[in-house]
Amino acid sequence: MVAPDRTCRTYNSAVKNRPAYAIASVDHALQLGTILQVEGPLTVSEAAERLGVARSTAHRLLSMLCYRDFAVQDGDRRYAAGPVLALAARTHSRAALLREVAMPHLTTLTDRVAESTNLMVLSGDHVRFVGSVEGTQVLRVGNREGMVFPAHLSSGGVLLLADLPDEEFAALYSDERWADRSDQLPDRRALRREARLARRRGYALNNGRTERGVTAVGRAVRRADGRAEAAVSISLPTARYSRTTLPQLVGALAATTADIERDLAAALTPAVDR
């Protein structure tokens, strides 16, 4: 029998014990993430001073937070909260249900196409990968769960953007919202055209836009009212992708998203006594 973990506490508990085998680097990274989210940007020197560590250690910690999108570096070399910490609030139970329903179908899709598959949701102007099944081939795309990417660059993100009302899309890509990253603001008209085209044809293609050497094909998971709830993508090394394989991938995605939509609708339908 495994002894209960006395380290974790419930919200109504007043006691929080330090783990017997605490990992200092993890603790420092979590502290930095909290500081960035609650207090705002800071420099490497300020981070080192807050944690009581060397500047080189603080720099390594911040670099890892940037790699996992918990932090970003701005123009004057200060570090700020990244997309993961800044994501818009989303109902946890809904996301958990979506993942629970979709994961078996992602596994089936991976078995069918022999490539990595992903489930993502829209959060602001980013997509967050809430589920991922890694392919088994030697050359494959790794697990993306928990990672975030700009929505306008990802296959699933383009499809999710396509369903936004014009005013919501305009607010998401307004000059004001992108003031501190204006050099990254996409061409809004071109993006809107691309998103609408992707919706009409039923899929979107990302050929190396988010990661060099990686191609992804995505398709939306739709609610009963037709609006996109999430997106599923197949990710594969670009070296293994060709236009002749695209119909097979799109067909496999269509079958998978239909199965997810069916099971999600059933899970959201209240039980009725017969």
C-alpha atoms as a PDB file:
ATOM      1  CA  MET A   1       0.000   0.000   0.000  1.00  0.00           C
ATOM      2  CA  VAL A   2       1.248   3.461  -0.859  1.00  0.00           C
ATOM      3  CA  ALA A   3       1.234   5.900   2.027  1.00  0.00           C
ATOM      4  CA  PRO A   4      -0.816   9.070   1.489  1.00  0.00           C
ATOM      5  CA  ASP A   5       1.130  12.103   0.363  1.00  0.00           C
ATOM      6  CA  ARG A   6       1.168  14.509   3.291  1.00  0.00           C
ATOM      7  CA  THR A   7       2.869  17.157   1.178  1.00  0.00           C
ATOM      8  CA  CYS A   8      -0.226  18.107  -0.802  1.00  0.00           C
ATOM      9  CA  ARG A   9      -3.053  19.758   1.060  1.00  0.00           C
ATOM     10  CA  THR A  10      -6.710  20.367   0.433  1.00  0.00           C
ATOM     11  CA  TYR A  11      -7.936  23.936   0.168  1.00  0.00           C
ATOM     12  CA  ASN A  12      -9.438  23.844   3.663  1.00  0.00           C
ATOM     13  CA  SER A  13      -6.173  22.698   5.260  1.00  0.00           C
ATOM     14  CA  ALA A  14      -3.924  25.167   7.048  1.00  0.00           C
ATOM     15  CA  VAL A  15      -0.838  22.973   6.899  1.00  0.00           C
ATOM     16  CA  LYS A  16       1.570  22.717   3.987  1.00  0.00           C
ATOM     17  CA  ASN A  17       4.702  20.675   4.609  1.00  0.00           C
ATOM     18  CA  ARG A  18       7.848  20.966   2.545  1.00  0.00           C
ATOM     19  CA  PRO A  19       8.526  17.683   0.726  1.00  0.00           C
ATOM     20  CA  ALA A  20      11.131  15.455   2.364  1.00  0.00           C
ATOM     21  CA  TYR A  21      13.040  15.297  -0.923  1.00  0.00           C
ATOM     22  CA  ALA A  22      12.437  18.769  -2.280  1.00  0.00           C
ATOM     23  CA  ILE A  23      13.810  19.571  -5.732  1.00  0.00           C
ATOM     24  CA  ALA A  24      15.254  23.059  -5.510  1.00  0.00           C
ATOM     25  CA  SER A  25      15.250  23.730  -9.263  1.00  0.00           C
ATOM     26  CA  VAL A  26      11.568  22.854  -9.546  1.00  0.00           C
ATOM     27  CA  ASP A  27      10.747  24.998  -6.535  1.00  0.00           C
ATOM     28  CA  HIS A  28      12.681  27.940  -8.000  1.00  0.00           C
ATOM     29  CA  ALA A  29      10.970  27.594 -11.384  1.00  0.00           C
ATOM     30  CA  LEU A  30       7.535  27.550  -9.747  1.00  0.00           C
ATOM     31  CA  GLN A  31       8.424  30.609  -7.678  1.00  0.00           C
ATOM     32  CA  LEU A  32       9.535  32.467 -10.796  1.00  0.00           C
ATOM     33  CA  GLY A  33       6.349  31.538 -12.614  1.00  0.00           C
ATOM     34  CA  THR A  34       4.263  32.849  -9.730  1.00  0.00           C
ATOM     35  CA  ILE A  35       6.257  36.091  -9.577  1.00  0.00           C
ATOM     36  CA  LEU A  36       5.849  36.678 -13.318  1.00  0.00           C
ATOM     37  CA  GLN A  37       2.125  36.001 -13.207  1.00  0.00           C
ATOM     38  CA  VAL A  38       1.321  37.993 -10.063  1.00  0.00           C
ATOM     39  CA  GLU A  39       3.950  40.749  -9.943  1.00  0.00           C
ATOM     40  CA  GLY A  40       4.932  41.272 -13.554  1.00  0.00           C
ATOM     41  CA  PRO A  41       8.180  41.402 -15.564  1.00  0.00           C
ATOM     42  CA  LEU A  42      11.654  41.156 -14.081  1.00  0.00           C
ATOM     43  CA  THR A  43      15.283  40.947 -15.191  1.00  0.00           C
ATOM     44  CA  VAL A  44      17.719  38.077 -14.716  1.00  0.00           C
ATOM     45  CA  SER A  45      19.438  40.002 -11.921  1.00  0.00           C
ATOM     46  CA  GLU A  46      16.136  40.648 -10.158  1.00  0.00           C
ATOM     47  CA  ALA A  47      15.185  36.978 -10.493  1.00  0.00           C
ATOM     48  CA  ALA A  48      18.537  35.905  -9.059  1.00  0.00           C
ATOM     49  CA  GLU A  49      18.126  38.277  -6.118  1.00  0.00           C
ATOM     50  CA  ARG A  50      14.575  37.097  -5.374  1.00  0.00           C
ATOM     51  CA  LEU A  51      15.596  33.445  -5.388  1.00  0.00           C
ATOM     52  CA  GLY A  52      18.992  33.900  -3.759  1.00  0.00           C
ATOM     53  CA  VAL A  53      20.809  32.151  -6.609  1.00  0.00           C
ATOM     54  CA  ALA A  54      23.536  33.026  -9.098  1.00  0.00           C
ATOM     55  CA  ARG A  55      22.630  34.981 -12.244  1.00  0.00           C
ATOM     56  CA  SER A  56      23.611  31.992 -14.376  1.00  0.00           C
ATOM     57  CA  THR A  57      21.161  29.790 -12.474  1.00  0.00           C
ATOM     58  CA  ALA A  58      18.385  32.366 -12.805  1.00  0.00           C
ATOM     59  CA  HIS A  59      19.092  32.654 -16.525  1.00  0.00           C
ATOM     60  CA  ARG A  60      18.831  28.879 -17.009  1.00  0.00           C
ATOM     61  CA  LEU A  61      15.555  28.771 -15.107  1.00  0.00           C
ATOM     62  CA  LEU A  62      14.064  31.617 -17.131  1.00  0.00           C
ATOM     63  CA  SER A  63      15.263  30.038 -20.381  1.00  0.00           C
ATOM     64  CA  MET A  64      13.451  26.808 -19.509  1.00  0.00           C
ATOM     65  CA  LEU A  65      10.288  28.747 -18.627  1.00  0.00           C
ATOM     66  CA  CYS A  66      10.514  30.430 -22.035  1.00  0.00           C
ATOM     67  CA  TYR A  67      10.962  27.075 -23.760  1.00  0.00           C
ATOM     68  CA  ARG A  68       7.740  25.787 -22.174  1.00  0.00           C
ATOM     69  CA  ASP A  69       5.932  29.104 -22.850  1.00  0.00           C
ATOM     70  CA  PHE A  70       5.578  30.027 -19.175  1.00  0.00           C
ATOM     71  CA  ALA A  71       7.665  33.154 -19.866  1.00  0.00           C
ATOM     72  CA  VAL A  72       8.634  35.413 -22.750  1.00  0.00           C
ATOM     73  CA  GLN A  73      11.457  37.925 -23.147  1.00  0.00           C
ATOM     74  CA  ASP A  74      10.511  41.407 -24.255  1.00  0.00           C
ATOM     75  CA  GLY A  75      12.489  43.968 -26.211  1.00  0.00           C
ATOM     76  CA  ASP A  76      14.442  45.358 -23.244  1.00  0.00           C
ATOM     77  CA  ARG A  77      15.481  41.860 -22.123  1.00  0.00           C
ATOM     78  CA  ARG A  78      13.033  41.642 -19.234  1.00  0.00           C
ATOM     79  CA  TYR A  79      11.044  38.451 -18.725  1.00  0.00           C
ATOM     80  CA  ALA A  80       7.263  38.476 -18.524  1.00  0.00           C
ATOM     81  CA  ALA A  81       4.494  35.920 -18.113  1.00  0.00           C
ATOM     82  CA  GLY A  82       4.179  33.782 -21.238  1.00  0.00           C
ATOM     83  CA  PRO A  83       1.130  32.379 -23.033  1.00  0.00           C
ATOM     84  CA  VAL A  84       0.603  29.484 -20.605  1.00  0.00           C
ATOM     85  CA  LEU A  85       0.343  31.789 -17.586  1.00  0.00           C
ATOM     86  CA  ALA A  86      -1.614  34.408 -19.514  1.00  0.00           C
ATOM     87  CA  LEU A  87      -4.149  32.073 -21.122  1.00  0.00           C
ATOM     88  CA  ALA A  88      -7.779  33.116 -20.859  1.00  0.00           C
ATOM     89  CA  ALA A  89      -9.793  31.224 -18.260  1.00  0.00           C
ATOM     90  CA  ARG A  90     -11.463  28.079 -19.498  1.00  0.00           C
ATOM     91  CA  THR A  91     -13.900  25.808 -17.680  1.00  0.00           C
ATOM     92  CA  HIS A  92     -11.735  23.027 -16.313  1.00  0.00           C
ATOM     93  CA  SER A  93     -14.529  20.473 -16.233  1.00  0.00           C
ATOM     94  CA  ARG A  94     -15.337  21.105 -19.896  1.00  0.00           C
ATOM     95  CA  ALA A  95     -11.712  20.762 -20.972  1.00  0.00           C
ATOM     96  CA  ALA A  96     -11.324  17.636 -18.852  1.00  0.00           C
ATOM     97  CA  LEU A  97     -14.439  16.095 -20.384  1.00  0.00           C
ATOM     98  CA  LEU A  98     -13.288  16.957 -23.895  1.00  0.00           C
ATOM     99  CA  ARG A  99      -9.931  15.327 -23.266  1.00  0.00           C
ATOM    100  CA  GLU A 100     -11.487  12.250 -21.664  1.00  0.00           C
ATOM    101  CA  VAL A 101     -13.765  11.757 -24.659  1.00  0.00           C
ATOM    102  CA  ALA A 102     -11.112  12.454 -27.283  1.00  0.00           C
ATOM    103  CA  MET A 103      -8.060  10.537 -26.043  1.00  0.00           C
ATOM    104  CA  PRO A 104      -9.224   7.030 -27.045  1.00  0.00           C
ATOM    105  CA  HIS A 105     -10.005   8.350 -30.521  1.00  0.00           C
ATOM    106  CA  LEU A 106      -6.577  10.016 -30.757  1.00  0.00           C
ATOM    107  CA  THR A 107      -5.000   6.662 -29.928  1.00  0.00           C
ATOM    108  CA  THR A 108      -7.033   4.988 -32.673  1.00  0.00           C
ATOM    109  CA  LEU A 109      -6.079   7.745 -35.119  1.00  0.00           C
ATOM    110  CA  THR A 110      -2.380   7.348 -34.280  1.00  0.00           C
ATOM    111  CA  ASP A 111      -2.664   3.602 -34.858  1.00  0.00           C
ATOM    112  CA  ARG A 112      -4.381   4.241 -38.180  1.00  0.00           C
ATOM    113  CA  VAL A 113      -1.985   6.796 -39.665  1.00  0.00           C
ATOM    114  CA  ALA A 114       1.180   5.838 -37.715  1.00  0.00           C
ATOM    115  CA  GLU A 115       1.805   9.509 -36.829  1.00  0.00           C
ATOM    116  CA  SER A 116       1.483  11.682 -33.728  1.00  0.00           C
ATOM    117  CA  THR A 117      -1.945  13.187 -33.045  1.00  0.00           C
ATOM    118  CA  ASN A 118      -3.102  16.119 -30.921  1.00  0.00           C
ATOM    119  CA  LEU A 119      -6.153  17.759 -29.385  1.00  0.00           C
ATOM    120  CA  MET A 120      -6.123  21.540 -28.946  1.00  0.00           C
ATOM    121  CA  VAL A 121      -8.371  24.349 -27.759  1.00  0.00           C
ATOM    122  CA  LEU A 122      -8.305  28.079 -28.441  1.00  0.00           C
ATOM    123  CA  SER A 123      -7.169  30.342 -25.601  1.00  0.00           C
ATOM    124  CA  GLY A 124      -6.900  33.960 -26.650  1.00  0.00           C
ATOM    125  CA  ASP A 125      -4.633  34.193 -29.679  1.00  0.00           C
ATOM    126  CA  HIS A 126      -2.924  30.878 -28.873  1.00  0.00           C
ATOM    127  CA  VAL A 127      -3.893  27.232 -29.008  1.00  0.00           C
ATOM    128  CA  ARG A 128      -3.131  24.945 -26.109  1.00  0.00           C
ATOM    129  CA  PHE A 129      -2.512  21.253 -26.649  1.00  0.00           C
ATOM    130  CA  VAL A 130      -4.638  19.434 -24.060  1.00  0.00           C
ATOM    131  CA  GLY A 131      -4.022  15.929 -25.393  1.00  0.00           C
ATOM    132  CA  SER A 132      -1.367  14.218 -27.487  1.00  0.00           C
ATOM    133  CA  VAL A 133      -0.552  10.676 -28.582  1.00  0.00           C
ATOM    134  CA  GLU A 134       2.973  10.198 -29.859  1.00  0.00           C
ATOM    135  CA  GLY A 135       3.609   8.063 -32.935  1.00  0.00           C
ATOM    136  CA  THR A 136       5.770   4.969 -32.683  1.00  0.00           C
ATOM    137  CA  GLN A 137       7.998   5.444 -35.719  1.00  0.00           C
ATOM    138  CA  VAL A 138      11.668   6.149 -35.101  1.00  0.00           C
ATOM    139  CA  LEU A 139      11.402   9.533 -36.832  1.00  0.00           C
ATOM    140  CA  ARG A 140       8.323  11.135 -35.301  1.00  0.00           C
ATOM    141  CA  VAL A 141       6.918  14.329 -33.807  1.00  0.00           C
ATOM    142  CA  GLY A 142       7.128  14.356 -30.011  1.00  0.00           C
ATOM    143  CA  ASN A 143       4.363  14.712 -27.452  1.00  0.00           C
ATOM    144  CA  ARG A 144       2.955  18.264 -27.456  1.00  0.00           C
ATOM    145  CA  GLU A 145       0.603  18.076 -24.476  1.00  0.00           C
ATOM    146  CA  GLY A 146       0.628  21.233 -22.376  1.00  0.00           C
ATOM    147  CA  MET A 147       2.394  23.309 -25.011  1.00  0.00           C
ATOM    148  CA  VAL A 148       0.998  26.433 -26.654  1.00  0.00           C
ATOM    149  CA  PHE A 149       1.493  27.895 -30.132  1.00  0.00           C
ATOM    150  CA  PRO A 150       0.217  31.019 -31.897  1.00  0.00           C
ATOM    151  CA  ALA A 151      -3.234  30.187 -33.230  1.00  0.00           C
ATOM    152  CA  HIS A 152      -2.680  31.876 -36.596  1.00  0.00           C
ATOM    153  CA  LEU A 153       0.299  29.610 -37.324  1.00  0.00           C
ATOM    154  CA  SER A 154      -1.134  26.234 -36.300  1.00  0.00           C
ATOM    155  CA  SER A 155      -3.452  24.062 -38.366  1.00  0.00           C
ATOM    156  CA  GLY A 156      -6.039  23.640 -35.615  1.00  0.00           C
ATOM    157  CA  GLY A 157      -5.758  27.267 -34.568  1.00  0.00           C
ATOM    158  CA  VAL A 158      -6.653  28.563 -38.031  1.00  0.00           C
ATOM    159  CA  LEU A 159      -9.814  26.448 -37.979  1.00  0.00           C
ATOM    160  CA  LEU A 160     -10.784  27.665 -34.519  1.00  0.00           C
ATOM    161  CA  LEU A 161     -10.225  31.278 -35.556  1.00  0.00           C
ATOM    162  CA  ALA A 162     -12.492  30.743 -38.561  1.00  0.00           C
ATOM    163  CA  ASP A 163     -15.542  30.413 -36.320  1.00  0.00           C
ATOM    164  CA  LEU A 164     -14.992  33.627 -34.381  1.00  0.00           C
ATOM    165  CA  PRO A 165     -17.456  36.482 -35.005  1.00  0.00           C
ATOM    166  CA  ASP A 166     -15.893  39.397 -36.873  1.00  0.00           C
ATOM    167  CA  GLU A 167     -15.863  41.652 -33.806  1.00  0.00           C
ATOM    168  CA  GLU A 168     -14.203  38.985 -31.651  1.00  0.00           C
ATOM    169  CA  PHE A 169     -11.595  38.287 -34.329  1.00  0.00           C
ATOM    170  CA  ALA A 170     -10.905  42.021 -34.689  1.00  0.00           C
ATOM    171  CA  ALA A 171     -10.442  42.417 -30.928  1.00  0.00           C
ATOM    172  CA  LEU A 172      -8.107  39.416 -30.778  1.00  0.00           C
ATOM    173  CA  TYR A 173      -5.845  40.882 -33.456  1.00  0.00           C
ATOM    174  CA  SER A 174      -6.199  44.558 -32.666  1.00  0.00           C
ATOM    175  CA  ASP A 175      -3.206  46.910 -32.731  1.00  0.00           C
ATOM    176  CA  GLU A 176      -3.724  47.605 -29.033  1.00  0.00           C
ATOM    177  CA  ARG A 177      -3.589  43.936 -28.041  1.00  0.00           C
ATOM    178  CA  TRP A 178      -0.399  43.405 -30.048  1.00  0.00           C
ATOM    179  CA  ALA A 179       1.263  46.705 -29.142  1.00  0.00           C
ATOM    180  CA  ASP A 180       4.213  45.035 -27.397  1.00  0.00           C
ATOM    181  CA  ARG A 181       4.718  42.511 -30.213  1.00  0.00           C
ATOM    182  CA  SER A 182       3.661  44.460 -33.272  1.00  0.00           C
ATOM    183  CA  ASP A 183       6.359  42.815 -35.368  1.00  0.00           C
ATOM    184  CA  GLN A 184       4.528  39.491 -34.899  1.00  0.00           C
ATOM    185  CA  LEU A 185       1.029  40.757 -35.762  1.00  0.00           C
ATOM    186  CA  PRO A 186      -0.233  38.721 -38.727  1.00  0.00           C
ATOM    187  CA  ASP A 187      -1.835  40.174 -41.835  1.00  0.00           C
ATOM    188  CA  ARG A 188      -5.426  40.193 -40.592  1.00  0.00           C
ATOM    189  CA  ARG A 189      -7.113  40.142 -43.981  1.00  0.00           C
ATOM    190  CA  ALA A 190      -4.934  37.299 -45.211  1.00  0.00           C
ATOM    191  CA  LEU A 191      -5.509  35.351 -42.002  1.00  0.00           C
ATOM    192  CA  ARG A 192      -9.275  35.824 -42.218  1.00  0.00           C
ATOM    193  CA  ARG A 193      -9.250  34.597 -45.828  1.00  0.00           C
ATOM    194  CA  GLU A 194      -7.112  31.604 -44.921  1.00  0.00           C
ATOM    195  CA  ALA A 195      -9.360  30.720 -41.982  1.00  0.00           C
ATOM    196  CA  ARG A 196     -12.549  30.909 -44.058  1.00  0.00           C
ATOM    197  CA  LEU A 197     -10.997  28.816 -46.819  1.00  0.00           C
ATOM    198  CA  ALA A 198      -9.925  26.204 -44.266  1.00  0.00           C
ATOM    199  CA  ARG A 199     -13.448  26.073 -42.870  1.00  0.00           C
ATOM    200  CA  ARG A 200     -14.947  25.560 -46.340  1.00  0.00           C
ATOM    201  CA  ARG A 201     -12.608  22.747 -47.302  1.00  0.00           C
ATOM    202  CA  GLY A 202     -12.776  21.159 -43.842  1.00  0.00           C
ATOM    203  CA  TYR A 203      -9.088  21.119 -42.936  1.00  0.00           C
ATOM    204  CA  ALA A 204      -6.050  23.360 -42.469  1.00  0.00           C
ATOM    205  CA  LEU A 205      -2.413  22.708 -43.257  1.00  0.00           C
ATOM    206  CA  ASN A 206       0.613  23.917 -41.317  1.00  0.00           C
ATOM    207  CA  ASN A 207       3.789  23.214 -43.237  1.00  0.00           C
ATOM    208  CA  GLY A 208       6.688  24.210 -40.991  1.00  0.00           C
ATOM    209  CA  ARG A 209       5.098  27.400 -39.646  1.00  0.00           C
ATOM    210  CA  THR A 210       5.288  26.492 -35.958  1.00  0.00           C
ATOM    211  CA  GLU A 211       8.228  24.089 -36.036  1.00  0.00           C
ATOM    212  CA  ARG A 212      10.818  23.617 -38.736  1.00  0.00           C
ATOM    213  CA  GLY A 213      10.626  20.180 -40.317  1.00  0.00           C
ATOM    214  CA  VAL A 214       7.129  19.462 -39.011  1.00  0.00           C
ATOM    215  CA  THR A 215       3.901  19.398 -41.036  1.00  0.00           C
ATOM    216  CA  ALA A 216       0.467  19.231 -39.437  1.00  0.00           C
ATOM    217  CA  VAL A 217      -3.025  18.732 -40.815  1.00  0.00           C
ATOM    218  CA  GLY A 218      -5.949  19.792 -38.616  1.00  0.00           C
ATOM    219  CA  ARG A 219      -9.715  19.478 -38.527  1.00  0.00           C
ATOM    220  CA  ALA A 220     -12.254  21.053 -36.158  1.00  0.00           C
ATOM    221  CA  VAL A 221     -14.356  19.230 -33.582  1.00  0.00           C
ATOM    222  CA  ARG A 222     -17.777  20.883 -33.731  1.00  0.00           C
ATOM    223  CA  ARG A 223     -20.612  21.290 -31.266  1.00  0.00           C
ATOM    224  CA  ALA A 224     -24.221  20.535 -32.101  1.00  0.00           C
ATOM    225  CA  ASP A 225     -24.692  24.159 -33.218  1.00  0.00           C
ATOM    226  CA  GLY A 226     -21.839  23.789 -35.717  1.00  0.00           C
ATOM    227  CA  ARG A 227     -19.303  26.012 -33.964  1.00  0.00           C
ATOM    228  CA  ALA A 228     -15.813  24.633 -33.382  1.00  0.00           C
ATOM    229  CA  GLU A 229     -15.222  23.334 -29.868  1.00  0.00           C
ATOM    230  CA  ALA A 230     -11.655  22.139 -30.408  1.00  0.00           C
ATOM    231  CA  ALA A 231      -9.407  20.823 -33.148  1.00  0.00           C
ATOM    232  CA  VAL A 232      -7.558  17.581 -33.833  1.00  0.00           C
ATOM    233  CA  SER A 233      -4.308  17.498 -35.774  1.00  0.00           C
ATOM    234  CA  ILE A 234      -1.952  14.923 -37.213  1.00  0.00           C
ATOM    235  CA  SER A 235       1.712  15.949 -36.931  1.00  0.00           C
ATOM    236  CA  LEU A 236       4.443  14.306 -38.977  1.00  0.00           C
ATOM    237  CA  PRO A 237       7.969  14.989 -40.168  1.00  0.00           C
ATOM    238  CA  THR A 238       7.819  17.110 -43.320  1.00  0.00           C
ATOM    239  CA  ALA A 239      10.129  14.613 -44.997  1.00  0.00           C
ATOM    240  CA  ARG A 240       7.310  12.056 -44.829  1.00  0.00           C
ATOM    241  CA  TYR A 241       4.538  14.364 -46.054  1.00  0.00           C
ATOM    242  CA  SER A 242       3.382  14.763 -49.650  1.00  0.00           C
ATOM    243  CA  ARG A 243       0.226  15.941 -51.351  1.00  0.00           C
ATOM    244  CA  THR A 244      -0.581  12.368 -52.280  1.00  0.00           C
ATOM    245  CA  THR A 245      -0.872  11.491 -48.580  1.00  0.00           C
ATOM    246  CA  LEU A 246      -3.094  14.491 -47.773  1.00  0.00           C
ATOM    247  CA  PRO A 247      -6.438  12.862 -48.765  1.00  0.00           C
ATOM    248  CA  GLN A 248      -5.695   9.889 -46.505  1.00  0.00           C
ATOM    249  CA  LEU A 249      -4.862  12.146 -43.574  1.00  0.00           C
ATOM    250  CA  VAL A 250      -7.931  14.342 -44.091  1.00  0.00           C
ATOM    251  CA  GLY A 251     -10.166  11.274 -44.352  1.00  0.00           C
ATOM    252  CA  ALA A 252      -8.769   9.830 -41.135  1.00  0.00           C
ATOM    253  CA  LEU A 253      -9.279  13.174 -39.387  1.00  0.00           C
ATOM    254  CA  ALA A 254     -12.872  13.392 -40.616  1.00  0.00           C
ATOM    255  CA  ALA A 255     -13.684   9.968 -39.162  1.00  0.00           C
ATOM    256  CA  THR A 256     -11.987  10.775 -35.861  1.00  0.00           C
ATOM    257  CA  THR A 257     -13.604  14.166 -35.349  1.00  0.00           C
ATOM    258  CA  ALA A 258     -17.022  12.685 -36.175  1.00  0.00           C
ATOM    259  CA  ASP A 259     -16.504  10.022 -33.505  1.00  0.00           C
ATOM    260  CA  ILE A 260     -15.414  12.622 -30.953  1.00  0.00           C
ATOM    261  CA  GLU A 261     -18.394  14.843 -31.763  1.00  0.00           C
ATOM    262  CA  ARG A 262     -20.771  11.911 -31.327  1.00  0.00           C
ATOM    263  CA  ASP A 263     -19.311  10.832 -27.990  1.00  0.00           C
ATOM    264  CA  LEU A 264     -19.034  14.392 -26.709  1.00  0.00           C
ATOM    265  CA  ALA A 265     -22.685  15.062 -27.532  1.00  0.00           C
ATOM    266  CA  ALA A 266     -23.659  11.875 -25.713  1.00  0.00           C
ATOM    267  CA  ALA A 267     -21.580  12.839 -22.673  1.00  0.00           C
ATOM    268  CA  LEU A 268     -23.233  16.271 -22.538  1.00  0.00           C
ATOM    269  CA  THR A 269     -26.782  14.911 -22.924  1.00  0.00           C
ATOM    270  CA  PRO A 270     -28.513  14.506 -19.546  1.00  0.00           C
ATOM    271  CA  ALA A 271     -29.649  10.994 -18.787  1.00  0.00           C
ATOM    272  CA  VAL A 272     -33.410  10.574 -19.273  1.00  0.00           C
ATOM    273  CA  ASP A 273     -35.392   8.032 -17.314  1.00  0.00           C
ATOM    274  CA  ARG A 274     -37.169   5.658 -19.635  1.00  0.00           C
END
